[in-house]
């Protein structure tokens, strides 16, 4: 007996029925993101960060000391893997995380007010600037929060916690008529 598996996003069932036009405040689920965890070897942190930032079409997010998430919506995991392999293996290690993490993008004029309900970090533009990121509790779950635009934040969360985080963010955005859906 043969079994055919269909690849489905972990949030496919939660988003069913949310087909409306996006409002000003919107929660997008990024369907196809390449996500890698990159660790610098001892003493090579500066070199590793410079090498990552020199890569085209990626966003580099701080996770901890000498550790980053590298995210791309345009390059696939295989392509990024080849790019990482060309870097000095004696200076950094990389691990593909795309199947184990979910990426959510929250955008709109009330994004800080929505996130203030579920993170305990000061999100004022002077404190949490565009390009800044950090690992923190978001909706009671460890997640990486990155500010990617003026009113745009992305949350990378472990796949197994994507459902509860999504549901809580939807609840937090209800007073602002926040819409949800998969990104194109």
N, C-alpha and C. Protein backbone atom coordinates (compact mmCIF):
# COMPACT_ATOMS: atom_id res chain seq x y z
N UNK A 1 0.84 -1.18 0.00
CA UNK A 1 0.00 0.00 0.00
C UNK A 1 0.89 1.23 0.00
N UNK A 2 0.62 2.12 -0.90
CA UNK A 2 1.41 3.34 -0.98
C UNK A 2 0.63 4.49 -0.35
N UNK A 3 1.36 5.39 0.29
CA UNK A 3 0.75 6.54 0.94
C UNK A 3 1.32 7.79 0.30
N UNK A 4 0.45 8.67 -0.11
CA UNK A 4 0.87 9.94 -0.69
C UNK A 4 0.73 11.03 0.36
N UNK A 5 1.83 11.72 0.63
CA UNK A 5 1.80 12.81 1.59
C UNK A 5 1.69 14.13 0.85
N UNK A 6 0.92 15.03 1.41
CA UNK A 6 0.77 16.36 0.85
C UNK A 6 1.42 17.34 1.80
N UNK A 7 2.28 18.18 1.27
CA UNK A 7 2.94 19.18 2.11
C UNK A 7 1.96 20.30 2.40
N UNK A 8 1.67 20.50 3.67
CA UNK A 8 0.77 21.56 4.10
C UNK A 8 1.46 22.41 5.15
N UNK A 9 1.15 23.68 5.15
CA UNK A 9 1.68 24.57 6.17
C UNK A 9 1.01 24.25 7.49
N UNK A 10 1.75 24.39 8.58
CA UNK A 10 1.23 24.07 9.90
C UNK A 10 0.01 24.93 10.27
N UNK A 11 -0.12 26.12 9.69
CA UNK A 11 -1.25 27.00 10.00
C UNK A 11 -2.36 26.96 8.96
N UNK A 12 -2.31 26.01 8.07
CA UNK A 12 -3.29 25.91 6.98
C UNK A 12 -4.73 25.90 7.50
N UNK A 13 -4.99 25.13 8.55
CA UNK A 13 -6.36 25.02 9.07
C UNK A 13 -6.80 26.28 9.82
N UNK A 14 -5.87 26.95 10.53
CA UNK A 14 -6.24 28.16 11.26
C UNK A 14 -6.59 29.31 10.33
N UNK A 15 -5.99 29.34 9.16
CA UNK A 15 -6.20 30.46 8.24
C UNK A 15 -7.37 30.21 7.31
N UNK A 16 -7.87 28.99 7.25
CA UNK A 16 -9.00 28.69 6.38
C UNK A 16 -10.15 29.64 6.69
N UNK A 17 -10.67 30.26 5.66
CA UNK A 17 -11.79 31.18 5.83
C UNK A 17 -11.37 32.64 5.95
N UNK A 18 -10.08 32.92 6.12
CA UNK A 18 -9.58 34.29 6.21
C UNK A 18 -9.15 34.76 4.83
N UNK A 19 -10.06 34.94 3.92
CA UNK A 19 -9.71 35.30 2.55
C UNK A 19 -10.03 36.76 2.22
N UNK A 20 -10.28 37.57 3.22
CA UNK A 20 -10.66 38.97 3.00
C UNK A 20 -9.46 39.79 2.53
N UNK A 21 -9.75 40.96 1.96
CA UNK A 21 -8.69 41.90 1.59
C UNK A 21 -7.99 42.33 2.88
N UNK A 22 -6.68 42.47 2.86
CA UNK A 22 -5.97 42.89 4.08
C UNK A 22 -6.37 44.30 4.52
N UNK A 23 -6.55 44.46 5.81
CA UNK A 23 -6.78 45.78 6.39
C UNK A 23 -5.43 46.44 6.62
N UNK A 24 -5.45 47.64 7.18
CA UNK A 24 -4.20 48.36 7.45
C UNK A 24 -3.31 47.55 8.39
N UNK A 25 -3.90 46.91 9.38
CA UNK A 25 -3.17 46.01 10.28
C UNK A 25 -3.40 44.59 9.78
N UNK A 26 -2.30 43.90 9.50
CA UNK A 26 -2.43 42.58 8.87
C UNK A 26 -1.34 41.63 9.39
N UNK A 27 -1.73 40.38 9.61
CA UNK A 27 -0.81 39.32 10.01
C UNK A 27 -0.66 38.37 8.83
N UNK A 28 0.54 38.36 8.23
CA UNK A 28 0.82 37.48 7.09
C UNK A 28 1.60 36.26 7.56
N UNK A 29 1.25 35.14 7.04
CA UNK A 29 2.00 33.92 7.28
C UNK A 29 2.86 33.70 6.05
N UNK A 30 4.16 33.65 6.26
CA UNK A 30 5.09 33.48 5.15
C UNK A 30 5.16 31.99 4.85
N UNK A 31 4.67 31.62 3.69
CA UNK A 31 4.55 30.21 3.34
C UNK A 31 5.90 29.56 3.02
N UNK A 32 6.75 30.24 2.29
CA UNK A 32 8.01 29.64 1.84
C UNK A 32 9.19 30.52 2.24
N UNK A 33 9.70 30.33 3.42
CA UNK A 33 10.87 31.07 3.87
C UNK A 33 12.00 30.08 4.14
N UNK A 34 13.17 30.43 3.68
CA UNK A 34 14.37 29.65 4.01
C UNK A 34 14.92 30.25 5.30
N UNK A 35 15.06 29.42 6.31
CA UNK A 35 15.54 29.88 7.62
C UNK A 35 16.71 28.99 8.04
N UNK A 36 17.83 29.62 8.38
CA UNK A 36 19.01 28.90 8.83
C UNK A 36 19.46 29.46 10.17
N UNK A 37 19.93 28.57 11.02
CA UNK A 37 20.60 28.96 12.25
C UNK A 37 22.10 28.93 11.96
N UNK A 38 22.79 30.01 12.27
CA UNK A 38 24.23 30.11 11.99
C UNK A 38 24.94 30.42 13.30
N UNK A 39 25.99 29.65 13.57
CA UNK A 39 26.78 29.81 14.79
C UNK A 39 28.22 30.11 14.40
N UNK A 40 28.78 31.17 14.99
CA UNK A 40 30.18 31.50 14.74
C UNK A 40 31.05 30.70 15.70
N UNK A 41 32.16 30.21 15.20
CA UNK A 41 33.10 29.52 16.06
C UNK A 41 33.83 30.55 16.91
N UNK A 42 34.33 30.12 18.05
CA UNK A 42 34.97 30.99 19.02
C UNK A 42 36.04 31.87 18.36
N UNK A 43 35.90 33.18 18.56
CA UNK A 43 36.87 34.12 18.04
C UNK A 43 36.58 34.62 16.63
N UNK A 44 35.55 34.09 15.99
CA UNK A 44 35.25 34.47 14.61
C UNK A 44 33.89 35.16 14.47
N UNK A 45 33.39 35.71 15.56
CA UNK A 45 32.07 36.32 15.55
C UNK A 45 31.98 37.49 14.57
N UNK A 46 32.96 38.39 14.61
CA UNK A 46 32.96 39.56 13.72
C UNK A 46 33.03 39.17 12.25
N UNK A 47 33.92 38.22 11.95
CA UNK A 47 34.05 37.75 10.57
C UNK A 47 32.74 37.12 10.09
N UNK A 48 32.14 36.27 10.95
CA UNK A 48 30.91 35.56 10.57
C UNK A 48 29.78 36.55 10.30
N UNK A 49 29.61 37.53 11.18
CA UNK A 49 28.53 38.51 10.99
C UNK A 49 28.75 39.30 9.70
N UNK A 50 29.97 39.72 9.43
CA UNK A 50 30.27 40.45 8.19
C UNK A 50 29.99 39.58 6.97
N UNK A 51 30.35 38.31 7.02
CA UNK A 51 30.10 37.40 5.89
C UNK A 51 28.60 37.22 5.66
N UNK A 52 27.83 37.11 6.74
CA UNK A 52 26.38 36.94 6.61
C UNK A 52 25.74 38.19 6.03
N UNK A 53 26.14 39.35 6.51
CA UNK A 53 25.56 40.60 6.02
C UNK A 53 25.93 40.90 4.58
N UNK A 54 27.00 40.28 4.10
CA UNK A 54 27.41 40.48 2.70
C UNK A 54 26.63 39.59 1.73
N UNK A 55 25.89 38.63 2.26
CA UNK A 55 25.11 37.73 1.40
C UNK A 55 23.90 38.47 0.84
N UNK A 56 23.59 38.29 -0.45
CA UNK A 56 22.44 38.99 -1.04
C UNK A 56 21.12 38.32 -0.66
N UNK A 57 20.06 39.11 -0.60
CA UNK A 57 18.69 38.64 -0.41
C UNK A 57 18.46 37.87 0.88
N UNK A 58 19.16 38.23 1.96
CA UNK A 58 18.92 37.59 3.25
C UNK A 58 18.76 38.65 4.32
N UNK A 59 18.08 38.28 5.37
CA UNK A 59 17.95 39.11 6.56
C UNK A 59 18.64 38.37 7.69
N UNK A 60 19.53 39.06 8.39
CA UNK A 60 20.29 38.46 9.48
C UNK A 60 19.70 38.94 10.80
N UNK A 61 19.28 37.99 11.66
CA UNK A 61 18.63 38.33 12.92
C UNK A 61 19.43 37.77 14.09
N UNK A 62 19.73 38.60 15.04
CA UNK A 62 20.48 38.19 16.23
C UNK A 62 19.63 37.27 17.09
N UNK A 63 20.22 36.15 17.50
CA UNK A 63 19.55 35.22 18.40
C UNK A 63 20.22 35.27 19.76
N UNK A 64 21.53 35.24 19.77
CA UNK A 64 22.30 35.26 21.01
C UNK A 64 23.75 35.51 20.67
N UNK A 65 24.64 35.38 21.66
CA UNK A 65 26.05 35.58 21.38
C UNK A 65 26.54 34.63 20.29
N UNK A 66 27.06 35.18 19.22
CA UNK A 66 27.64 34.40 18.11
C UNK A 66 26.63 33.50 17.42
N UNK A 67 25.34 33.85 17.49
CA UNK A 67 24.30 33.04 16.84
C UNK A 67 23.28 33.96 16.17
N UNK A 68 22.92 33.59 14.93
CA UNK A 68 21.97 34.37 14.15
C UNK A 68 21.01 33.45 13.41
N UNK A 69 19.84 34.00 13.09
CA UNK A 69 18.93 33.38 12.14
C UNK A 69 19.13 34.13 10.83
N UNK A 70 19.27 33.39 9.75
CA UNK A 70 19.39 33.99 8.43
C UNK A 70 18.12 33.59 7.68
N UNK A 71 17.35 34.59 7.23
CA UNK A 71 16.04 34.37 6.63
C UNK A 71 16.02 34.93 5.21
N UNK A 72 15.42 34.15 4.29
CA UNK A 72 15.25 34.64 2.93
C UNK A 72 13.92 34.14 2.38
N UNK A 73 13.21 35.05 1.73
CA UNK A 73 11.98 34.66 1.03
C UNK A 73 12.24 34.45 -0.45
N UNK A 74 13.39 34.90 -0.95
CA UNK A 74 13.67 34.80 -2.38
C UNK A 74 14.63 33.67 -2.71
N UNK A 75 15.56 33.38 -1.84
CA UNK A 75 16.50 32.27 -2.07
C UNK A 75 15.98 31.02 -1.36
N UNK A 76 16.11 29.89 -2.01
CA UNK A 76 15.68 28.64 -1.41
C UNK A 76 16.73 28.09 -0.46
N UNK A 77 16.33 27.09 0.31
CA UNK A 77 17.24 26.47 1.28
C UNK A 77 18.45 25.86 0.60
N UNK A 78 18.26 25.22 -0.57
CA UNK A 78 19.40 24.61 -1.27
C UNK A 78 20.40 25.66 -1.72
N UNK A 79 19.90 26.76 -2.23
CA UNK A 79 20.77 27.84 -2.69
C UNK A 79 21.56 28.44 -1.53
N UNK A 80 20.86 28.70 -0.41
CA UNK A 80 21.55 29.26 0.75
C UNK A 80 22.55 28.26 1.32
N UNK A 81 22.20 27.00 1.29
CA UNK A 81 23.13 25.96 1.77
C UNK A 81 24.43 25.99 0.98
N UNK A 82 24.32 26.12 -0.33
CA UNK A 82 25.52 26.22 -1.17
C UNK A 82 26.33 27.48 -0.83
N UNK A 83 25.63 28.60 -0.61
CA UNK A 83 26.32 29.83 -0.25
C UNK A 83 27.06 29.69 1.09
N UNK A 84 26.41 29.08 2.07
CA UNK A 84 27.06 28.86 3.37
C UNK A 84 28.25 27.92 3.23
N UNK A 85 28.11 26.89 2.40
CA UNK A 85 29.18 25.91 2.23
C UNK A 85 30.44 26.55 1.63
N UNK A 86 30.27 27.64 0.88
CA UNK A 86 31.43 28.33 0.30
C UNK A 86 32.16 29.19 1.33
N UNK A 87 31.51 29.45 2.47
CA UNK A 87 32.17 30.20 3.53
C UNK A 87 33.12 29.25 4.28
N UNK A 88 33.98 29.79 5.08
CA UNK A 88 34.99 29.02 5.81
C UNK A 88 34.33 28.18 6.92
N UNK A 89 34.34 26.85 6.76
CA UNK A 89 33.74 25.94 7.74
C UNK A 89 34.48 25.98 9.07
N UNK A 90 35.69 26.47 9.09
CA UNK A 90 36.43 26.60 10.34
C UNK A 90 36.00 27.79 11.16
N UNK A 91 35.17 28.66 10.57
CA UNK A 91 34.74 29.87 11.26
C UNK A 91 33.27 29.89 11.65
N UNK A 92 32.45 29.09 10.97
CA UNK A 92 31.03 29.07 11.32
C UNK A 92 30.40 27.73 10.95
N UNK A 93 29.27 27.47 11.60
CA UNK A 93 28.46 26.29 11.30
C UNK A 93 27.05 26.76 10.99
N UNK A 94 26.35 26.04 10.14
CA UNK A 94 24.99 26.44 9.78
C UNK A 94 24.09 25.21 9.76
N UNK A 95 22.81 25.46 10.08
CA UNK A 95 21.82 24.39 10.16
C UNK A 95 20.50 24.90 9.59
N UNK A 96 19.92 24.15 8.67
CA UNK A 96 18.66 24.53 8.05
C UNK A 96 17.53 24.36 9.07
N UNK A 97 16.71 25.40 9.22
CA UNK A 97 15.63 25.41 10.21
C UNK A 97 14.26 25.66 9.61
N UNK A 98 14.16 25.73 8.28
CA UNK A 98 12.90 26.10 7.62
C UNK A 98 11.74 25.18 7.92
N UNK A 99 11.99 23.89 8.11
CA UNK A 99 10.89 22.98 8.41
C UNK A 99 10.51 23.00 9.89
N UNK A 100 11.38 23.55 10.72
CA UNK A 100 11.13 23.56 12.15
C UNK A 100 10.64 24.89 12.69
N UNK A 101 10.61 25.92 11.84
CA UNK A 101 10.18 27.25 12.28
C UNK A 101 9.12 27.81 11.34
N UNK A 102 8.30 28.67 11.88
CA UNK A 102 7.27 29.36 11.11
C UNK A 102 7.55 30.85 11.20
N UNK A 103 7.36 31.54 10.08
CA UNK A 103 7.61 32.98 10.04
C UNK A 103 6.30 33.73 9.85
N UNK A 104 6.03 34.66 10.76
CA UNK A 104 4.82 35.49 10.73
C UNK A 104 5.24 36.95 10.57
N UNK A 105 4.53 37.69 9.73
CA UNK A 105 4.82 39.12 9.52
C UNK A 105 3.61 39.93 9.96
N UNK A 106 3.84 40.82 10.90
CA UNK A 106 2.78 41.68 11.43
C UNK A 106 3.07 43.10 10.97
N UNK A 107 2.12 43.71 10.27
CA UNK A 107 2.34 45.05 9.73
C UNK A 107 1.12 45.93 9.94
N UNK A 108 1.37 47.22 9.99
CA UNK A 108 0.28 48.18 10.10
C UNK A 108 0.56 49.26 11.12
N UNK A 109 -0.28 50.28 11.14
CA UNK A 109 -0.05 51.42 12.03
C UNK A 109 -0.16 51.08 13.52
N UNK A 110 -0.83 49.99 13.86
CA UNK A 110 -1.01 49.61 15.27
C UNK A 110 -0.15 48.43 15.68
N UNK A 111 0.85 48.11 14.89
CA UNK A 111 1.65 46.91 15.14
C UNK A 111 2.29 46.93 16.54
N UNK A 112 2.79 48.09 16.97
CA UNK A 112 3.42 48.16 18.30
C UNK A 112 2.40 47.96 19.41
N UNK A 113 1.21 48.48 19.21
CA UNK A 113 0.16 48.32 20.23
C UNK A 113 -0.28 46.86 20.32
N UNK A 114 -0.31 46.18 19.20
CA UNK A 114 -0.67 44.76 19.20
C UNK A 114 0.42 43.95 19.89
N UNK A 115 1.67 44.18 19.49
CA UNK A 115 2.78 43.43 20.06
C UNK A 115 3.01 43.76 21.53
N UNK A 116 2.68 44.97 21.97
CA UNK A 116 2.86 45.35 23.37
C UNK A 116 2.02 44.47 24.30
N UNK A 117 0.99 43.85 23.76
CA UNK A 117 0.15 42.96 24.56
C UNK A 117 0.80 41.60 24.80
N UNK A 118 1.83 41.28 24.01
CA UNK A 118 2.38 39.92 24.12
C UNK A 118 3.90 39.84 24.15
N UNK A 119 4.60 40.97 24.17
CA UNK A 119 6.06 40.96 24.38
C UNK A 119 6.38 42.00 25.46
N UNK A 120 7.45 41.77 26.18
CA UNK A 120 7.81 42.71 27.26
C UNK A 120 9.07 43.49 26.89
N UNK A 121 9.13 43.96 25.65
CA UNK A 121 10.26 44.72 25.14
C UNK A 121 9.75 46.08 24.68
N UNK A 122 10.54 47.11 24.89
CA UNK A 122 10.17 48.44 24.43
C UNK A 122 10.31 48.48 22.92
N UNK A 123 9.22 48.65 22.21
CA UNK A 123 9.21 48.65 20.74
C UNK A 123 9.19 50.04 20.14
N UNK A 124 9.46 51.06 20.96
CA UNK A 124 9.51 52.42 20.44
C UNK A 124 10.57 52.49 19.35
N UNK A 125 10.30 53.22 18.25
CA UNK A 125 11.25 53.27 17.13
C UNK A 125 12.66 53.73 17.51
N UNK A 126 12.79 54.54 18.55
CA UNK A 126 14.12 54.99 18.98
C UNK A 126 14.88 53.90 19.74
N UNK A 127 14.16 52.91 20.25
CA UNK A 127 14.78 51.85 21.04
C UNK A 127 14.94 50.57 20.21
N UNK A 128 13.90 50.19 19.50
CA UNK A 128 13.91 48.96 18.69
C UNK A 128 13.87 49.40 17.23
N UNK A 129 15.02 49.66 16.67
CA UNK A 129 15.14 50.26 15.33
C UNK A 129 14.91 49.24 14.23
N UNK A 130 14.65 49.72 13.02
CA UNK A 130 14.54 48.85 11.85
C UNK A 130 15.85 48.08 11.71
N UNK A 131 15.75 46.78 11.53
CA UNK A 131 16.92 45.92 11.42
C UNK A 131 17.31 45.25 12.72
N UNK A 132 16.73 45.70 13.82
CA UNK A 132 17.05 45.11 15.12
C UNK A 132 16.20 43.86 15.34
N UNK A 133 16.75 42.92 16.09
CA UNK A 133 16.02 41.69 16.40
C UNK A 133 16.50 41.15 17.74
N UNK A 134 15.74 40.22 18.26
CA UNK A 134 16.13 39.58 19.51
C UNK A 134 15.23 38.41 19.81
N UNK A 135 15.74 37.51 20.60
CA UNK A 135 14.94 36.37 21.03
C UNK A 135 14.30 36.74 22.35
N UNK A 136 13.00 36.51 22.45
CA UNK A 136 12.23 36.90 23.63
C UNK A 136 10.96 36.06 23.72
N UNK A 137 10.25 36.22 24.82
CA UNK A 137 8.95 35.58 24.93
C UNK A 137 7.94 36.40 24.15
N UNK A 138 7.20 35.73 23.30
CA UNK A 138 6.13 36.35 22.52
C UNK A 138 4.93 35.43 22.65
N UNK A 139 3.87 35.92 23.26
CA UNK A 139 2.68 35.11 23.50
C UNK A 139 3.05 33.88 24.33
N UNK A 140 3.90 34.07 25.33
CA UNK A 140 4.32 33.03 26.27
C UNK A 140 5.20 31.95 25.64
N UNK A 141 5.76 32.21 24.46
CA UNK A 141 6.58 31.26 23.74
C UNK A 141 7.88 31.95 23.32
N UNK A 142 8.99 31.22 23.38
CA UNK A 142 10.26 31.78 22.92
C UNK A 142 10.20 31.96 21.40
N UNK A 143 10.51 33.17 20.95
CA UNK A 143 10.45 33.50 19.52
C UNK A 143 11.51 34.54 19.21
N UNK A 144 11.84 34.68 17.95
CA UNK A 144 12.75 35.72 17.50
C UNK A 144 11.91 36.81 16.85
N UNK A 145 11.98 38.01 17.40
CA UNK A 145 11.23 39.15 16.88
C UNK A 145 12.20 40.07 16.15
N UNK A 146 11.89 40.43 14.92
CA UNK A 146 12.73 41.32 14.12
C UNK A 146 11.89 42.46 13.58
N UNK A 147 12.42 43.67 13.66
CA UNK A 147 11.75 44.82 13.03
C UNK A 147 12.33 44.96 11.64
N UNK A 148 11.50 44.73 10.62
CA UNK A 148 11.98 44.71 9.24
C UNK A 148 11.55 45.93 8.43
N UNK A 149 10.72 46.78 9.01
CA UNK A 149 10.27 47.99 8.33
C UNK A 149 9.73 48.97 9.35
N UNK A 150 9.28 50.12 8.87
CA UNK A 150 8.79 51.17 9.78
C UNK A 150 7.68 50.63 10.67
N UNK A 151 6.68 50.02 10.10
CA UNK A 151 5.58 49.42 10.86
C UNK A 151 5.46 47.94 10.54
N UNK A 152 6.59 47.24 10.47
CA UNK A 152 6.60 45.82 10.10
C UNK A 152 7.53 45.06 11.04
N UNK A 153 6.99 43.99 11.62
CA UNK A 153 7.76 43.09 12.48
C UNK A 153 7.57 41.67 11.98
N UNK A 154 8.60 40.84 12.12
CA UNK A 154 8.50 39.43 11.80
C UNK A 154 8.82 38.61 13.03
N UNK A 155 8.06 37.54 13.19
CA UNK A 155 8.22 36.65 14.33
C UNK A 155 8.55 35.26 13.80
N UNK A 156 9.71 34.74 14.20
CA UNK A 156 10.09 33.37 13.86
C UNK A 156 9.88 32.54 15.11
N UNK A 157 9.01 31.55 14.99
CA UNK A 157 8.64 30.73 16.14
C UNK A 157 8.76 29.25 15.76
N UNK A 158 9.05 28.42 16.74
CA UNK A 158 9.13 26.99 16.47
C UNK A 158 7.78 26.50 15.93
N UNK A 159 7.83 25.62 14.96
CA UNK A 159 6.64 25.11 14.27
C UNK A 159 5.58 24.59 15.23
N UNK A 160 6.01 23.89 16.26
CA UNK A 160 5.04 23.28 17.18
C UNK A 160 4.27 24.32 18.00
N UNK A 161 4.79 25.55 18.08
CA UNK A 161 4.11 26.62 18.81
C UNK A 161 3.43 27.62 17.89
N UNK A 162 3.48 27.41 16.60
CA UNK A 162 2.93 28.37 15.64
C UNK A 162 1.43 28.57 15.83
N UNK A 163 0.69 27.51 16.07
CA UNK A 163 -0.77 27.62 16.25
C UNK A 163 -1.16 28.50 17.42
N UNK A 164 -0.65 28.21 18.63
CA UNK A 164 -1.02 29.07 19.76
C UNK A 164 -0.55 30.51 19.61
N UNK A 165 0.63 30.74 19.05
CA UNK A 165 1.11 32.11 18.84
C UNK A 165 0.21 32.83 17.83
N UNK A 166 -0.14 32.15 16.74
CA UNK A 166 -1.03 32.74 15.74
C UNK A 166 -2.36 33.12 16.37
N UNK A 167 -2.96 32.20 17.11
CA UNK A 167 -4.27 32.46 17.72
C UNK A 167 -4.22 33.62 18.70
N UNK A 168 -3.14 33.71 19.49
CA UNK A 168 -3.04 34.80 20.44
C UNK A 168 -2.83 36.14 19.72
N UNK A 169 -2.02 36.16 18.66
CA UNK A 169 -1.83 37.39 17.90
C UNK A 169 -3.14 37.85 17.26
N UNK A 170 -3.92 36.90 16.75
CA UNK A 170 -5.23 37.24 16.17
C UNK A 170 -6.11 37.89 17.24
N UNK A 171 -6.09 37.32 18.44
CA UNK A 171 -6.89 37.87 19.53
C UNK A 171 -6.40 39.27 19.91
N UNK A 172 -5.09 39.47 19.95
CA UNK A 172 -4.53 40.78 20.30
C UNK A 172 -4.85 41.84 19.24
N UNK A 173 -4.99 41.43 18.00
CA UNK A 173 -5.28 42.36 16.92
C UNK A 173 -6.76 42.59 16.66
N UNK A 174 -7.60 41.90 17.38
CA UNK A 174 -9.05 42.00 17.15
C UNK A 174 -9.57 43.42 17.28
N UNK A 175 -9.11 44.17 18.28
CA UNK A 175 -9.64 45.54 18.48
C UNK A 175 -9.25 46.49 17.35
N UNK A 176 -8.25 46.10 16.54
CA UNK A 176 -7.81 46.92 15.41
C UNK A 176 -8.30 46.36 14.07
N UNK A 177 -9.20 45.41 14.12
CA UNK A 177 -9.74 44.75 12.92
C UNK A 177 -8.63 44.17 12.06
N UNK A 178 -7.62 43.59 12.73
CA UNK A 178 -6.49 42.99 12.02
C UNK A 178 -6.96 41.79 11.19
N UNK A 179 -6.48 41.73 9.97
CA UNK A 179 -6.79 40.59 9.09
C UNK A 179 -5.59 39.65 9.07
N UNK A 180 -5.81 38.44 8.58
CA UNK A 180 -4.75 37.45 8.48
C UNK A 180 -4.82 36.74 7.15
N UNK A 181 -3.73 36.16 6.75
CA UNK A 181 -3.70 35.37 5.52
C UNK A 181 -2.28 34.99 5.16
N UNK A 182 -2.15 34.12 4.19
CA UNK A 182 -0.84 33.72 3.70
C UNK A 182 -0.30 34.81 2.78
N UNK A 183 1.01 35.01 2.84
CA UNK A 183 1.62 35.98 1.94
C UNK A 183 1.62 35.39 0.53
N UNK A 184 1.73 36.23 -0.45
CA UNK A 184 1.69 35.75 -1.83
C UNK A 184 2.97 35.20 -2.23
